[in-house]
Amino acid sequence: MPVRIAESADVDPRAQVGDGSQVWHLAQVREDAVLGERCIVGRGAYVGTGVQVGSDCKIQNYALVYEPASLADGVFVGPAAVLTNDQYPRAINADGSLKSASDWQAVGVEVGRGASIGARAVCVAPVRVGEWATVAAGAVVTKDVPDFAVVAGVPARQVGWVGHAGRPLEQLDDGRWSCPATGTVYEAVGSTLREVV
């Protein structure tokens, strides 16, 4: 499948864009960023220097993914969501001089396979969003999110569990959880869930 890059997009020649990926109008993909196969980078989105994006990911319109973020396969980043990279943001140093790249160390957001970050959500680095987890629209994530967890609010707190299909899970009488869309059953293991096979 051919790569499709809109004429108004800014894709650095040192970026790697996988087969079948699409980069839409006014999006920017910086140097050394890696997009896997069949990714979609929406209008006005930003993918920072060296960001690693797996295959089959969607980075929606105006989302900002700052380095050194890492997105596994199948990750969804909603419109205008932000993955930050500065724990102690300041424009100037304590002495009043303008900060340069050497005056701070970027920290990243890691997003596990199949996870979804809702529209206008903010993930404050360094955090990990677990596999198949869902961050609700407008949430502010300041702590790691377990696999399959649903988090919402400011700051984000766990409000439930979600399965592979993205639907909230329903608790069964035996303490396990079931997906209403697929019938898949999950069980608690420590602070997360796993699929019962």
C-alpha atoms as a PDB file:
ATOM      1  CA  MET A   1       0.000   0.000   0.000  1.00  0.00           C
ATOM      2  CA  PRO A   2       1.394   3.416  -0.895  1.00  0.00           C
ATOM      3  CA  VAL A   3       2.105   6.146   1.644  1.00  0.00           C
ATOM      4  CA  ARG A   4      -0.147   9.185   1.288  1.00  0.00           C
ATOM      5  CA  ILE A   5       1.169  12.567   2.459  1.00  0.00           C
ATOM      6  CA  ALA A   6      -0.900  15.707   1.887  1.00  0.00           C
ATOM      7  CA  GLU A   7       0.894  18.491   0.056  1.00  0.00           C
ATOM      8  CA  SER A   8       0.527  20.855   3.028  1.00  0.00           C
ATOM      9  CA  ALA A   9       1.910  18.329   5.540  1.00  0.00           C
ATOM     10  CA  ASP A  10       5.459  18.751   6.860  1.00  0.00           C
ATOM     11  CA  VAL A  11       7.152  15.348   7.053  1.00  0.00           C
ATOM     12  CA  ASP A  12      10.871  15.533   7.724  1.00  0.00           C
ATOM     13  CA  PRO A  13      12.938  13.471   5.241  1.00  0.00           C
ATOM     14  CA  ARG A  14      14.560  11.701   8.221  1.00  0.00           C
ATOM     15  CA  ALA A  15      11.188  10.459   9.498  1.00  0.00           C
ATOM     16  CA  GLN A  16      10.144   6.902   8.659  1.00  0.00           C
ATOM     17  CA  VAL A  17       6.588   6.436   7.430  1.00  0.00           C
ATOM     18  CA  GLY A  18       5.336   2.855   7.069  1.00  0.00           C
ATOM     19  CA  ASP A  19       3.499   1.401   4.091  1.00  0.00           C
ATOM     20  CA  GLY A  20      -0.129   2.441   3.803  1.00  0.00           C
ATOM     21  CA  SER A  21       0.192   5.313   6.279  1.00  0.00           C
ATOM     22  CA  GLN A  22      -1.490   8.664   5.676  1.00  0.00           C
ATOM     23  CA  VAL A  23      -0.413  12.098   6.881  1.00  0.00           C
ATOM     24  CA  TRP A  24      -3.084  14.736   6.351  1.00  0.00           C
ATOM     25  CA  HIS A  25      -3.189  18.489   5.810  1.00  0.00           C
ATOM     26  CA  LEU A  26      -0.979  20.715   7.973  1.00  0.00           C
ATOM     27  CA  ALA A  27       0.278  17.802  10.096  1.00  0.00           C
ATOM     28  CA  GLN A  28       3.944  17.765  11.123  1.00  0.00           C
ATOM     29  CA  VAL A  29       6.075  14.643  11.577  1.00  0.00           C
ATOM     30  CA  ARG A  30       9.512  15.571  12.906  1.00  0.00           C
ATOM     31  CA  GLU A  31      12.966  14.131  12.233  1.00  0.00           C
ATOM     32  CA  ASP A  32      13.639  10.547  13.331  1.00  0.00           C
ATOM     33  CA  ALA A  33       9.974   9.906  14.148  1.00  0.00           C
ATOM     34  CA  VAL A  34       8.819   6.429  13.154  1.00  0.00           C
ATOM     35  CA  LEU A  35       5.269   5.683  11.997  1.00  0.00           C
ATOM     36  CA  GLY A  36       4.385   2.026  11.519  1.00  0.00           C
ATOM     37  CA  GLU A  37       2.246   0.640   8.731  1.00  0.00           C
ATOM     38  CA  ARG A  38      -1.320   1.830   8.073  1.00  0.00           C
ATOM     39  CA  CYS A  39      -1.193   4.794  10.478  1.00  0.00           C
ATOM     40  CA  ILE A  40      -3.312   7.905  10.113  1.00  0.00           C
ATOM     41  CA  VAL A  41      -2.033  11.290  11.261  1.00  0.00           C
ATOM     42  CA  GLY A  42      -4.892  13.792  11.103  1.00  0.00           C
ATOM     43  CA  ARG A  43      -5.062  17.425  10.097  1.00  0.00           C
ATOM     44  CA  GLY A  44      -2.808  19.688  12.147  1.00  0.00           C
ATOM     45  CA  ALA A  45      -1.451  16.870  14.328  1.00  0.00           C
ATOM     46  CA  TYR A  46       2.125  16.975  15.616  1.00  0.00           C
ATOM     47  CA  VAL A  47       4.466  13.995  16.030  1.00  0.00           C
ATOM     48  CA  GLY A  48       7.691  15.024  17.758  1.00  0.00           C
ATOM     49  CA  THR A  49      11.322  14.216  17.109  1.00  0.00           C
ATOM     50  CA  GLY A  50      12.047  10.516  17.520  1.00  0.00           C
ATOM     51  CA  VAL A  51       8.513   9.572  18.593  1.00  0.00           C
ATOM     52  CA  GLN A  52       7.857   5.865  18.018  1.00  0.00           C
ATOM     53  CA  VAL A  53       4.412   4.963  16.663  1.00  0.00           C
ATOM     54  CA  GLY A  54       3.424   1.338  16.029  1.00  0.00           C
ATOM     55  CA  SER A  55       1.279   0.064  13.182  1.00  0.00           C
ATOM     56  CA  ASP A  56      -2.462   0.703  12.770  1.00  0.00           C
ATOM     57  CA  CYS A  57      -2.458   3.825  14.976  1.00  0.00           C
ATOM     58  CA  LYS A  58      -4.715   6.851  14.598  1.00  0.00           C
ATOM     59  CA  ILE A  59      -3.506  10.267  15.726  1.00  0.00           C
ATOM     60  CA  GLN A  60      -6.516  12.489  15.212  1.00  0.00           C
ATOM     61  CA  ASN A  61      -6.777  16.143  14.187  1.00  0.00           C
ATOM     62  CA  TYR A  62      -4.679  18.590  16.218  1.00  0.00           C
ATOM     63  CA  ALA A  63      -3.344  15.951  18.608  1.00  0.00           C
ATOM     64  CA  LEU A  64       0.143  16.730  19.964  1.00  0.00           C
ATOM     65  CA  VAL A  65       2.494  13.800  20.602  1.00  0.00           C
ATOM     66  CA  TYR A  66       5.751  15.148  22.037  1.00  0.00           C
ATOM     67  CA  GLU A  67       9.033  13.279  22.156  1.00  0.00           C
ATOM     68  CA  PRO A  68      10.011  10.829  23.533  1.00  0.00           C
ATOM     69  CA  ALA A  69       6.500   9.317  23.434  1.00  0.00           C
ATOM     70  CA  SER A  70       6.059   5.701  22.444  1.00  0.00           C
ATOM     71  CA  LEU A  71       2.797   4.325  21.031  1.00  0.00           C
ATOM     72  CA  ALA A  72       2.342   0.574  20.559  1.00  0.00           C
ATOM     73  CA  ASP A  73       0.283  -0.974  17.756  1.00  0.00           C
ATOM     74  CA  GLY A  74      -3.368  -0.016  17.461  1.00  0.00           C
ATOM     75  CA  VAL A  75      -3.289   3.114  19.628  1.00  0.00           C
ATOM     76  CA  PHE A  76      -5.940   5.819  19.202  1.00  0.00           C
ATOM     77  CA  VAL A  77      -5.095   9.420  20.135  1.00  0.00           C
ATOM     78  CA  GLY A  78      -8.219  11.581  19.972  1.00  0.00           C
ATOM     79  CA  PRO A  79      -8.627  15.077  18.560  1.00  0.00           C
ATOM     80  CA  ALA A  80      -6.595  17.763  20.344  1.00  0.00           C
ATOM     81  CA  ALA A  81      -5.215  15.305  22.923  1.00  0.00           C
ATOM     82  CA  VAL A  82      -1.758  16.147  24.297  1.00  0.00           C
ATOM     83  CA  LEU A  83       1.057  13.820  25.377  1.00  0.00           C
ATOM     84  CA  THR A  84       3.458  16.101  27.247  1.00  0.00           C
ATOM     85  CA  ASN A  85       7.200  15.765  27.827  1.00  0.00           C
ATOM     86  CA  ASP A  86       8.318  18.327  30.430  1.00  0.00           C
ATOM     87  CA  GLN A  87       7.899  17.608  34.166  1.00  0.00           C
ATOM     88  CA  TYR A  88       8.904  21.108  35.239  1.00  0.00           C
ATOM     89  CA  PRO A  89       7.956  23.458  32.397  1.00  0.00           C
ATOM     90  CA  ARG A  90       9.503  26.902  32.353  1.00  0.00           C
ATOM     91  CA  ALA A  91      10.396  29.247  29.506  1.00  0.00           C
ATOM     92  CA  ILE A  92      13.354  30.646  31.441  1.00  0.00           C
ATOM     93  CA  ASN A  93      15.942  29.353  33.895  1.00  0.00           C
ATOM     94  CA  ALA A  94      16.119  30.539  37.515  1.00  0.00           C
ATOM     95  CA  ASP A  95      18.710  33.150  36.457  1.00  0.00           C
ATOM     96  CA  GLY A  96      16.290  34.615  33.898  1.00  0.00           C
ATOM     97  CA  SER A  97      18.049  33.218  30.813  1.00  0.00           C
ATOM     98  CA  LEU A  98      15.954  31.629  28.090  1.00  0.00           C
ATOM     99  CA  LYS A  99      15.838  27.849  28.435  1.00  0.00           C
ATOM    100  CA  SER A 100      17.457  25.838  25.673  1.00  0.00           C
ATOM    101  CA  ALA A 101      17.249  22.140  24.853  1.00  0.00           C
ATOM    102  CA  SER A 102      20.238  21.448  27.103  1.00  0.00           C
ATOM    103  CA  ASP A 103      18.457  22.965  30.144  1.00  0.00           C
ATOM    104  CA  TRP A 104      15.887  20.202  30.547  1.00  0.00           C
ATOM    105  CA  GLN A 105      15.389  16.494  29.983  1.00  0.00           C
ATOM    106  CA  ALA A 106      12.379  15.309  28.016  1.00  0.00           C
ATOM    107  CA  VAL A 107      10.316  12.532  29.597  1.00  0.00           C
ATOM    108  CA  GLY A 108       7.742  10.576  27.665  1.00  0.00           C
ATOM    109  CA  VAL A 109       4.314   9.041  27.687  1.00  0.00           C
ATOM    110  CA  GLU A 110       4.106   5.338  26.860  1.00  0.00           C
ATOM    111  CA  VAL A 111       0.833   4.031  25.457  1.00  0.00           C
ATOM    112  CA  GLY A 112       0.214   0.279  25.338  1.00  0.00           C
ATOM    113  CA  ARG A 113      -1.290  -1.786  22.535  1.00  0.00           C
ATOM    114  CA  GLY A 114      -4.891  -1.019  21.639  1.00  0.00           C
ATOM    115  CA  ALA A 115      -5.263   1.819  24.167  1.00  0.00           C
ATOM    116  CA  SER A 116      -7.345   4.936  23.473  1.00  0.00           C
ATOM    117  CA  ILE A 117      -6.746   8.521  24.550  1.00  0.00           C
ATOM    118  CA  GLY A 118      -9.956  10.572  24.330  1.00  0.00           C
ATOM    119  CA  ALA A 119     -10.430  13.975  22.740  1.00  0.00           C
ATOM    120  CA  ARG A 120      -8.691  16.854  24.552  1.00  0.00           C
ATOM    121  CA  ALA A 121      -7.244  14.518  27.172  1.00  0.00           C
ATOM    122  CA  VAL A 122      -3.810  15.383  28.554  1.00  0.00           C
ATOM    123  CA  CYS A 123      -1.260  12.762  29.582  1.00  0.00           C
ATOM    124  CA  VAL A 124       1.319  14.416  31.832  1.00  0.00           C
ATOM    125  CA  ALA A 125       4.683  12.690  31.381  1.00  0.00           C
ATOM    126  CA  PRO A 126       6.105  10.478  32.625  1.00  0.00           C
ATOM    127  CA  VAL A 127       3.130   8.099  32.608  1.00  0.00           C
ATOM    128  CA  ARG A 128       2.194   4.772  31.061  1.00  0.00           C
ATOM    129  CA  VAL A 129      -1.281   4.096  29.689  1.00  0.00           C
ATOM    130  CA  GLY A 130      -1.716   0.319  29.762  1.00  0.00           C
ATOM    131  CA  GLU A 131      -2.799  -2.018  26.984  1.00  0.00           C
ATOM    132  CA  TRP A 132      -6.444  -1.684  25.908  1.00  0.00           C
ATOM    133  CA  ALA A 133      -7.022   1.068  28.502  1.00  0.00           C
ATOM    134  CA  THR A 134      -9.263   4.044  27.784  1.00  0.00           C
ATOM    135  CA  VAL A 135      -8.628   7.636  28.862  1.00  0.00           C
ATOM    136  CA  ALA A 136     -11.906   9.564  28.769  1.00  0.00           C
ATOM    137  CA  ALA A 137     -12.256  12.785  26.817  1.00  0.00           C
ATOM    138  CA  GLY A 138     -10.929  15.771  28.745  1.00  0.00           C
ATOM    139  CA  ALA A 139      -9.176  13.683  31.413  1.00  0.00           C
ATOM    140  CA  VAL A 140      -5.811  14.717  32.844  1.00  0.00           C
ATOM    141  CA  VAL A 141      -3.642  11.648  33.445  1.00  0.00           C
ATOM    142  CA  THR A 142      -0.957  12.129  36.097  1.00  0.00           C
ATOM    143  CA  LYS A 143      -0.446   8.493  37.174  1.00  0.00           C
ATOM    144  CA  ASP A 144       0.022   5.209  35.325  1.00  0.00           C
ATOM    145  CA  VAL A 145      -3.169   3.620  33.985  1.00  0.00           C
ATOM    146  CA  PRO A 146      -3.515  -0.192  34.352  1.00  0.00           C
ATOM    147  CA  ASP A 147      -4.245  -2.435  31.370  1.00  0.00           C
ATOM    148  CA  PHE A 148      -7.996  -2.462  30.530  1.00  0.00           C
ATOM    149  CA  ALA A 149      -8.770   0.412  32.947  1.00  0.00           C
ATOM    150  CA  VAL A 150     -11.085   3.322  32.140  1.00  0.00           C
ATOM    151  CA  VAL A 151      -9.997   6.611  33.689  1.00  0.00           C
ATOM    152  CA  ALA A 152     -11.811   9.949  33.734  1.00  0.00           C
ATOM    153  CA  GLY A 153     -11.673  13.332  35.430  1.00  0.00           C
ATOM    154  CA  VAL A 154      -9.127  15.885  36.588  1.00  0.00           C
ATOM    155  CA  PRO A 155      -6.934  14.358  37.820  1.00  0.00           C
ATOM    156  CA  ALA A 156      -7.930  11.101  36.135  1.00  0.00           C
ATOM    157  CA  ARG A 157      -9.171   8.280  38.364  1.00  0.00           C
ATOM    158  CA  GLN A 158     -10.237   4.782  37.456  1.00  0.00           C
ATOM    159  CA  VAL A 159     -13.994   4.530  36.920  1.00  0.00           C
ATOM    160  CA  GLY A 160     -14.256   1.027  35.467  1.00  0.00           C
ATOM    161  CA  TRP A 161     -12.872  -1.553  33.109  1.00  0.00           C
ATOM    162  CA  VAL A 162     -13.015  -1.856  29.337  1.00  0.00           C
ATOM    163  CA  GLY A 163     -12.387  -4.821  27.015  1.00  0.00           C
ATOM    164  CA  HIS A 164     -10.733  -5.237  23.635  1.00  0.00           C
ATOM    165  CA  ALA A 165     -13.885  -3.960  21.887  1.00  0.00           C
ATOM    166  CA  GLY A 166     -13.731  -0.648  23.755  1.00  0.00           C
ATOM    167  CA  ARG A 167     -17.030  -1.186  25.573  1.00  0.00           C
ATOM    168  CA  PRO A 168     -17.346  -0.899  29.370  1.00  0.00           C
ATOM    169  CA  LEU A 169     -17.269  -4.325  31.003  1.00  0.00           C
ATOM    170  CA  GLU A 170     -20.120  -5.668  33.131  1.00  0.00           C
ATOM    171  CA  GLN A 171     -19.367  -7.404  36.411  1.00  0.00           C
ATOM    172  CA  LEU A 172     -20.603 -10.996  36.724  1.00  0.00           C
ATOM    173  CA  ASP A 173     -21.875 -12.664  39.900  1.00  0.00           C
ATOM    174  CA  ASP A 174     -18.605 -14.614  40.268  1.00  0.00           C
ATOM    175  CA  GLY A 175     -16.518 -11.408  40.377  1.00  0.00           C
ATOM    176  CA  ARG A 176     -15.310 -11.703  36.816  1.00  0.00           C
ATOM    177  CA  TRP A 177     -16.118  -9.212  34.056  1.00  0.00           C
ATOM    178  CA  SER A 178     -17.828  -9.647  30.675  1.00  0.00           C
ATOM    179  CA  CYS A 179     -17.821  -7.629  27.464  1.00  0.00           C
ATOM    180  CA  PRO A 180     -21.402  -6.909  26.299  1.00  0.00           C
ATOM    181  CA  ALA A 181     -20.240  -6.665  22.674  1.00  0.00           C
ATOM    182  CA  THR A 182     -18.190  -9.868  22.341  1.00  0.00           C
ATOM    183  CA  GLY A 183     -19.039 -11.985  25.389  1.00  0.00           C
ATOM    184  CA  THR A 184     -15.356 -12.210  26.276  1.00  0.00           C
ATOM    185  CA  VAL A 185     -14.782 -12.817  29.989  1.00  0.00           C
ATOM    186  CA  TYR A 186     -12.002 -11.157  32.003  1.00  0.00           C
ATOM    187  CA  GLU A 187     -10.711 -11.829  35.502  1.00  0.00           C
ATOM    188  CA  ALA A 188      -8.848  -9.656  37.989  1.00  0.00           C
ATOM    189  CA  VAL A 189      -5.115 -10.258  38.393  1.00  0.00           C
ATOM    190  CA  GLY A 190      -3.576  -7.890  40.910  1.00  0.00           C
ATOM    191  CA  SER A 191      -4.479  -4.358  39.869  1.00  0.00           C
ATOM    192  CA  THR A 192      -5.456  -5.235  36.300  1.00  0.00           C
ATOM    193  CA  LEU A 193      -7.508  -7.705  34.254  1.00  0.00           C
ATOM    194  CA  ARG A 194      -6.704 -10.527  31.881  1.00  0.00           C
ATOM    195  CA  GLU A 195      -8.805 -12.361  29.345  1.00  0.00           C
ATOM    196  CA  VAL A 196     -10.068 -15.778  30.437  1.00  0.00           C
ATOM    197  CA  VAL A 197      -9.117 -18.332  27.782  1.00  0.00           C
END
